[in-house]
Amino acid sequence: MQRIARFEKVSLPQFQSDFSDPRSDACAAYAAIVMPRRATRGSAGYDFFLPAPLTLAPGEGALVATGVRALIDPGWALVLAPRSGLGFKYRLQLDNTVGIVDSDYAFSDNEGHILARVFNDGRAGKTLSLPAGAAFMQGLLLPFGITEDDE
């Protein structure tokens, strides 16, 4: 397997500016950040973990500041989706359905901070409640191509 990316934390000031959970302390959440990792050797996706507890009633959404940035080699992208078990059980979704992190995003104004807007679509009628440290999203590193006439 090719090693084409690395995860690291964004700075504390960046995390604090993006962290919007009034029920949790941003400094404590930052200290609790767990880098994405694969659950098993055979796992294709990297699990992303909540830095603070998350509760979503049916129909509610929230912005999750992961505290993570991805340094990705050119020609690759990180594709983000909810963990499939949470999608089946609670109908957890990303607001944009699938997130795409480009290789140059790590150098954006927000340090490439990966933010996820998640939504409990409510059709299952269940409240989603996850503790800090729970895996909620997964990322898959994929190669991509460009057209022959791309300049």
C-alpha atoms as a PDB file:
ATOM      1  CA  MET A   1       0.000   0.000   0.000  1.00  0.00           C
ATOM      2  CA  GLN A   2       1.127   3.511  -0.738  1.00  0.00           C
ATOM      3  CA  ARG A   3       1.565   5.968   2.106  1.00  0.00           C
ATOM      4  CA  ILE A   4       0.238   9.206   0.676  1.00  0.00           C
ATOM      5  CA  ALA A   5      -1.129  11.257   3.583  1.00  0.00           C
ATOM      6  CA  ARG A   6      -0.662  12.248   7.203  1.00  0.00           C
ATOM      7  CA  PHE A   7      -3.150  13.504   9.782  1.00  0.00           C
ATOM      8  CA  GLU A   8      -2.218  16.126  12.352  1.00  0.00           C
ATOM      9  CA  LYS A   9      -3.930  18.516  14.743  1.00  0.00           C
ATOM     10  CA  VAL A  10      -4.766  22.066  13.814  1.00  0.00           C
ATOM     11  CA  SER A  11      -3.513  24.719  16.238  1.00  0.00           C
ATOM     12  CA  LEU A  12      -5.429  25.371  19.458  1.00  0.00           C
ATOM     13  CA  PRO A  13      -6.413  28.923  18.359  1.00  0.00           C
ATOM     14  CA  GLN A  14      -7.815  27.548  15.083  1.00  0.00           C
ATOM     15  CA  PHE A  15      -9.734  24.828  16.899  1.00  0.00           C
ATOM     16  CA  GLN A  16     -11.142  27.341  19.391  1.00  0.00           C
ATOM     17  CA  SER A  17     -12.351  29.620  16.577  1.00  0.00           C
ATOM     18  CA  ASP A  18     -14.179  26.719  14.866  1.00  0.00           C
ATOM     19  CA  PHE A  19     -15.468  24.877  17.942  1.00  0.00           C
ATOM     20  CA  SER A  20     -19.096  25.838  18.533  1.00  0.00           C
ATOM     21  CA  ASP A  21     -20.391  23.519  21.274  1.00  0.00           C
ATOM     22  CA  PRO A  22     -21.447  25.751  24.206  1.00  0.00           C
ATOM     23  CA  ARG A  23     -21.852  22.673  26.448  1.00  0.00           C
ATOM     24  CA  SER A  24     -18.185  21.640  26.162  1.00  0.00           C
ATOM     25  CA  ASP A  25     -14.871  23.278  26.977  1.00  0.00           C
ATOM     26  CA  ALA A  26     -12.829  23.874  23.807  1.00  0.00           C
ATOM     27  CA  CYS A  27      -9.480  23.355  25.564  1.00  0.00           C
ATOM     28  CA  ALA A  28     -10.597  20.024  27.032  1.00  0.00           C
ATOM     29  CA  ALA A  29     -12.012  18.944  23.664  1.00  0.00           C
ATOM     30  CA  TYR A  30      -8.736  19.902  21.956  1.00  0.00           C
ATOM     31  CA  ALA A  31      -6.728  17.858  24.463  1.00  0.00           C
ATOM     32  CA  ALA A  32      -9.014  14.867  23.800  1.00  0.00           C
ATOM     33  CA  ILE A  33      -8.609  14.877  19.993  1.00  0.00           C
ATOM     34  CA  VAL A  34      -7.798  11.433  18.627  1.00  0.00           C
ATOM     35  CA  MET A  35      -6.171  11.209  15.210  1.00  0.00           C
ATOM     36  CA  PRO A  36      -8.142   9.282  12.581  1.00  0.00           C
ATOM     37  CA  ARG A  37      -7.172   5.627  12.332  1.00  0.00           C
ATOM     38  CA  ARG A  38      -8.251   2.390  10.707  1.00  0.00           C
ATOM     39  CA  ALA A  39     -10.076  -0.049  12.971  1.00  0.00           C
ATOM     40  CA  THR A  40      -8.370  -3.122  11.493  1.00  0.00           C
ATOM     41  CA  ARG A  41      -5.605  -3.940   9.007  1.00  0.00           C
ATOM     42  CA  GLY A  42      -8.304  -4.676   6.428  1.00  0.00           C
ATOM     43  CA  SER A  43     -10.186  -1.396   6.943  1.00  0.00           C
ATOM     44  CA  ALA A  44     -10.148   0.891   3.930  1.00  0.00           C
ATOM     45  CA  GLY A  45     -11.468   3.933   5.805  1.00  0.00           C
ATOM     46  CA  TYR A  46     -10.043   5.993   8.648  1.00  0.00           C
ATOM     47  CA  ASP A  47     -12.430   6.576  11.529  1.00  0.00           C
ATOM     48  CA  PHE A  48     -12.822  10.180  12.702  1.00  0.00           C
ATOM     49  CA  PHE A  49     -13.609  10.674  16.387  1.00  0.00           C
ATOM     50  CA  LEU A  50     -15.718  13.230  18.228  1.00  0.00           C
ATOM     51  CA  PRO A  51     -13.694  15.629  20.410  1.00  0.00           C
ATOM     52  CA  ALA A  52     -16.824  16.348  22.488  1.00  0.00           C
ATOM     53  CA  PRO A  53     -20.139  14.572  23.121  1.00  0.00           C
ATOM     54  CA  LEU A  54     -22.773  14.860  20.414  1.00  0.00           C
ATOM     55  CA  THR A  55     -26.543  14.591  20.836  1.00  0.00           C
ATOM     56  CA  LEU A  56     -28.904  15.092  17.917  1.00  0.00           C
ATOM     57  CA  ALA A  57     -32.661  14.758  18.246  1.00  0.00           C
ATOM     58  CA  PRO A  58     -34.556  13.792  15.097  1.00  0.00           C
ATOM     59  CA  GLY A  59     -34.278  16.659  12.620  1.00  0.00           C
ATOM     60  CA  GLU A  60     -31.319  18.320  14.379  1.00  0.00           C
ATOM     61  CA  GLY A  61     -27.880  19.053  12.986  1.00  0.00           C
ATOM     62  CA  ALA A  62     -24.547  20.214  14.361  1.00  0.00           C
ATOM     63  CA  LEU A  63     -21.149  21.359  13.177  1.00  0.00           C
ATOM     64  CA  VAL A  64     -18.351  19.077  14.390  1.00  0.00           C
ATOM     65  CA  ALA A  65     -14.890  20.612  14.561  1.00  0.00           C
ATOM     66  CA  THR A  66     -12.642  17.548  14.321  1.00  0.00           C
ATOM     67  CA  GLY A  67      -9.411  19.352  15.184  1.00  0.00           C
ATOM     68  CA  VAL A  68      -7.764  17.401  12.358  1.00  0.00           C
ATOM     69  CA  ARG A  69      -6.134  18.400   9.098  1.00  0.00           C
ATOM     70  CA  ALA A  70      -4.912  16.058   6.363  1.00  0.00           C
ATOM     71  CA  LEU A  71      -1.653  16.505   4.500  1.00  0.00           C
ATOM     72  CA  ILE A  72      -2.332  14.639   1.256  1.00  0.00           C
ATOM     73  CA  ASP A  73      -0.040  14.000  -1.708  1.00  0.00           C
ATOM     74  CA  PRO A  74      -1.094  15.571  -5.036  1.00  0.00           C
ATOM     75  CA  GLY A  75      -3.319  13.300  -7.108  1.00  0.00           C
ATOM     76  CA  TRP A  76      -5.197  12.051  -4.053  1.00  0.00           C
ATOM     77  CA  ALA A  77      -8.263  13.216  -2.129  1.00  0.00           C
ATOM     78  CA  LEU A  78      -9.889  12.310   1.189  1.00  0.00           C
ATOM     79  CA  VAL A  79     -13.551  11.329   0.787  1.00  0.00           C
ATOM     80  CA  LEU A  80     -15.673  11.629   3.962  1.00  0.00           C
ATOM     81  CA  ALA A  81     -18.924   9.864   4.851  1.00  0.00           C
ATOM     82  CA  PRO A  82     -20.779   9.016   8.075  1.00  0.00           C
ATOM     83  CA  ARG A  83     -19.927   5.679   9.632  1.00  0.00           C
ATOM     84  CA  SER A  84     -22.311   3.271   7.958  1.00  0.00           C
ATOM     85  CA  GLY A  85     -23.664   1.833  11.222  1.00  0.00           C
ATOM     86  CA  LEU A  86     -24.749   5.290  12.385  1.00  0.00           C
ATOM     87  CA  GLY A  87     -26.362   5.912   9.020  1.00  0.00           C
ATOM     88  CA  PHE A  88     -28.356   2.691   9.249  1.00  0.00           C
ATOM     89  CA  LYS A  89     -29.351   2.999  12.893  1.00  0.00           C
ATOM     90  CA  TYR A  90     -29.918   6.765  13.216  1.00  0.00           C
ATOM     91  CA  ARG A  91     -29.909   7.992   9.602  1.00  0.00           C
ATOM     92  CA  LEU A  92     -26.908  10.185  10.428  1.00  0.00           C
ATOM     93  CA  GLN A  93     -25.858  12.114   7.354  1.00  0.00           C
ATOM     94  CA  LEU A  94     -23.353  14.729   6.315  1.00  0.00           C
ATOM     95  CA  ASP A  95     -25.217  17.818   5.129  1.00  0.00           C
ATOM     96  CA  ASN A  96     -23.319  17.744   1.837  1.00  0.00           C
ATOM     97  CA  THR A  97     -23.834  13.926   1.613  1.00  0.00           C
ATOM     98  CA  VAL A  98     -20.145  13.237   0.903  1.00  0.00           C
ATOM     99  CA  GLY A  99     -17.225  15.455   1.873  1.00  0.00           C
ATOM    100  CA  ILE A 100     -14.191  15.889  -0.355  1.00  0.00           C
ATOM    101  CA  VAL A 101     -10.892  17.124   1.091  1.00  0.00           C
ATOM    102  CA  ASP A 102      -8.486  18.196  -1.650  1.00  0.00           C
ATOM    103  CA  SER A 103      -4.725  17.852  -1.311  1.00  0.00           C
ATOM    104  CA  ASP A 104      -4.239  21.638  -1.151  1.00  0.00           C
ATOM    105  CA  TYR A 105      -6.903  22.216   1.532  1.00  0.00           C
ATOM    106  CA  ALA A 106      -4.307  21.761   4.305  1.00  0.00           C
ATOM    107  CA  PHE A 107      -2.866  25.131   3.295  1.00  0.00           C
ATOM    108  CA  SER A 108      -6.108  27.122   3.425  1.00  0.00           C
ATOM    109  CA  ASP A 109      -6.782  30.011   5.808  1.00  0.00           C
ATOM    110  CA  ASN A 110      -8.240  27.665   8.441  1.00  0.00           C
ATOM    111  CA  GLU A 111      -5.155  25.378   8.451  1.00  0.00           C
ATOM    112  CA  GLY A 112      -7.195  22.784   6.542  1.00  0.00           C
ATOM    113  CA  HIS A 113      -9.361  22.108   9.594  1.00  0.00           C
ATOM    114  CA  ILE A 114     -11.779  19.321   8.683  1.00  0.00           C
ATOM    115  CA  LEU A 115     -15.258  20.364   9.787  1.00  0.00           C
ATOM    116  CA  ALA A 116     -18.288  18.123   9.401  1.00  0.00           C
ATOM    117  CA  ARG A 117     -21.874  19.329   9.479  1.00  0.00           C
ATOM    118  CA  VAL A 118     -23.867  16.273  10.541  1.00  0.00           C
ATOM    119  CA  PHE A 119     -27.617  15.808  10.536  1.00  0.00           C
ATOM    120  CA  ASN A 120     -30.043  13.314  12.108  1.00  0.00           C
ATOM    121  CA  ASP A 121     -32.652  13.248   9.341  1.00  0.00           C
ATOM    122  CA  GLY A 122     -35.315  12.145  11.813  1.00  0.00           C
ATOM    123  CA  ARG A 123     -37.048   9.515   9.704  1.00  0.00           C
ATOM    124  CA  ALA A 124     -35.858   6.803  12.120  1.00  0.00           C
ATOM    125  CA  GLY A 125     -37.342   8.793  15.019  1.00  0.00           C
ATOM    126  CA  LYS A 126     -34.301   8.150  17.235  1.00  0.00           C
ATOM    127  CA  THR A 127     -32.108  10.562  19.152  1.00  0.00           C
ATOM    128  CA  LEU A 128     -28.430  10.065  18.424  1.00  0.00           C
ATOM    129  CA  SER A 129     -26.231  10.390  21.507  1.00  0.00           C
ATOM    130  CA  LEU A 130     -22.503   9.727  21.240  1.00  0.00           C
ATOM    131  CA  PRO A 131     -19.783  10.321  23.834  1.00  0.00           C
ATOM    132  CA  ALA A 132     -16.566  12.200  23.186  1.00  0.00           C
ATOM    133  CA  GLY A 133     -14.125   9.844  21.502  1.00  0.00           C
ATOM    134  CA  ALA A 134     -16.792   7.944  19.556  1.00  0.00           C
ATOM    135  CA  ALA A 135     -16.155   7.318  15.860  1.00  0.00           C
ATOM    136  CA  PHE A 136     -18.768   9.185  13.805  1.00  0.00           C
ATOM    137  CA  MET A 137     -17.329   9.584  10.318  1.00  0.00           C
ATOM    138  CA  GLN A 138     -14.905   7.761   8.066  1.00  0.00           C
ATOM    139  CA  GLY A 139     -12.470   8.961   5.460  1.00  0.00           C
ATOM    140  CA  LEU A 140     -11.155   7.091   2.459  1.00  0.00           C
ATOM    141  CA  LEU A 141      -8.069   8.197   0.530  1.00  0.00           C
ATOM    142  CA  LEU A 142      -8.663   7.878  -3.199  1.00  0.00           C
ATOM    143  CA  PRO A 143      -6.605   8.726  -6.298  1.00  0.00           C
ATOM    144  CA  PHE A 144      -8.160  10.907  -8.954  1.00  0.00           C
ATOM    145  CA  GLY A 145      -7.395  11.812 -12.538  1.00  0.00           C
ATOM    146  CA  ILE A 146      -7.757  14.938 -14.623  1.00  0.00           C
ATOM    147  CA  THR A 147      -8.802  15.486 -18.228  1.00  0.00           C
ATOM    148  CA  GLU A 148      -6.226  15.564 -21.018  1.00  0.00           C
ATOM    149  CA  ASP A 149      -7.013  19.233 -21.743  1.00  0.00           C
ATOM    150  CA  ASP A 150      -6.853  20.393 -18.100  1.00  0.00           C
ATOM    151  CA  GLU A 151      -4.499  23.347 -17.771  1.00  0.00           C
END
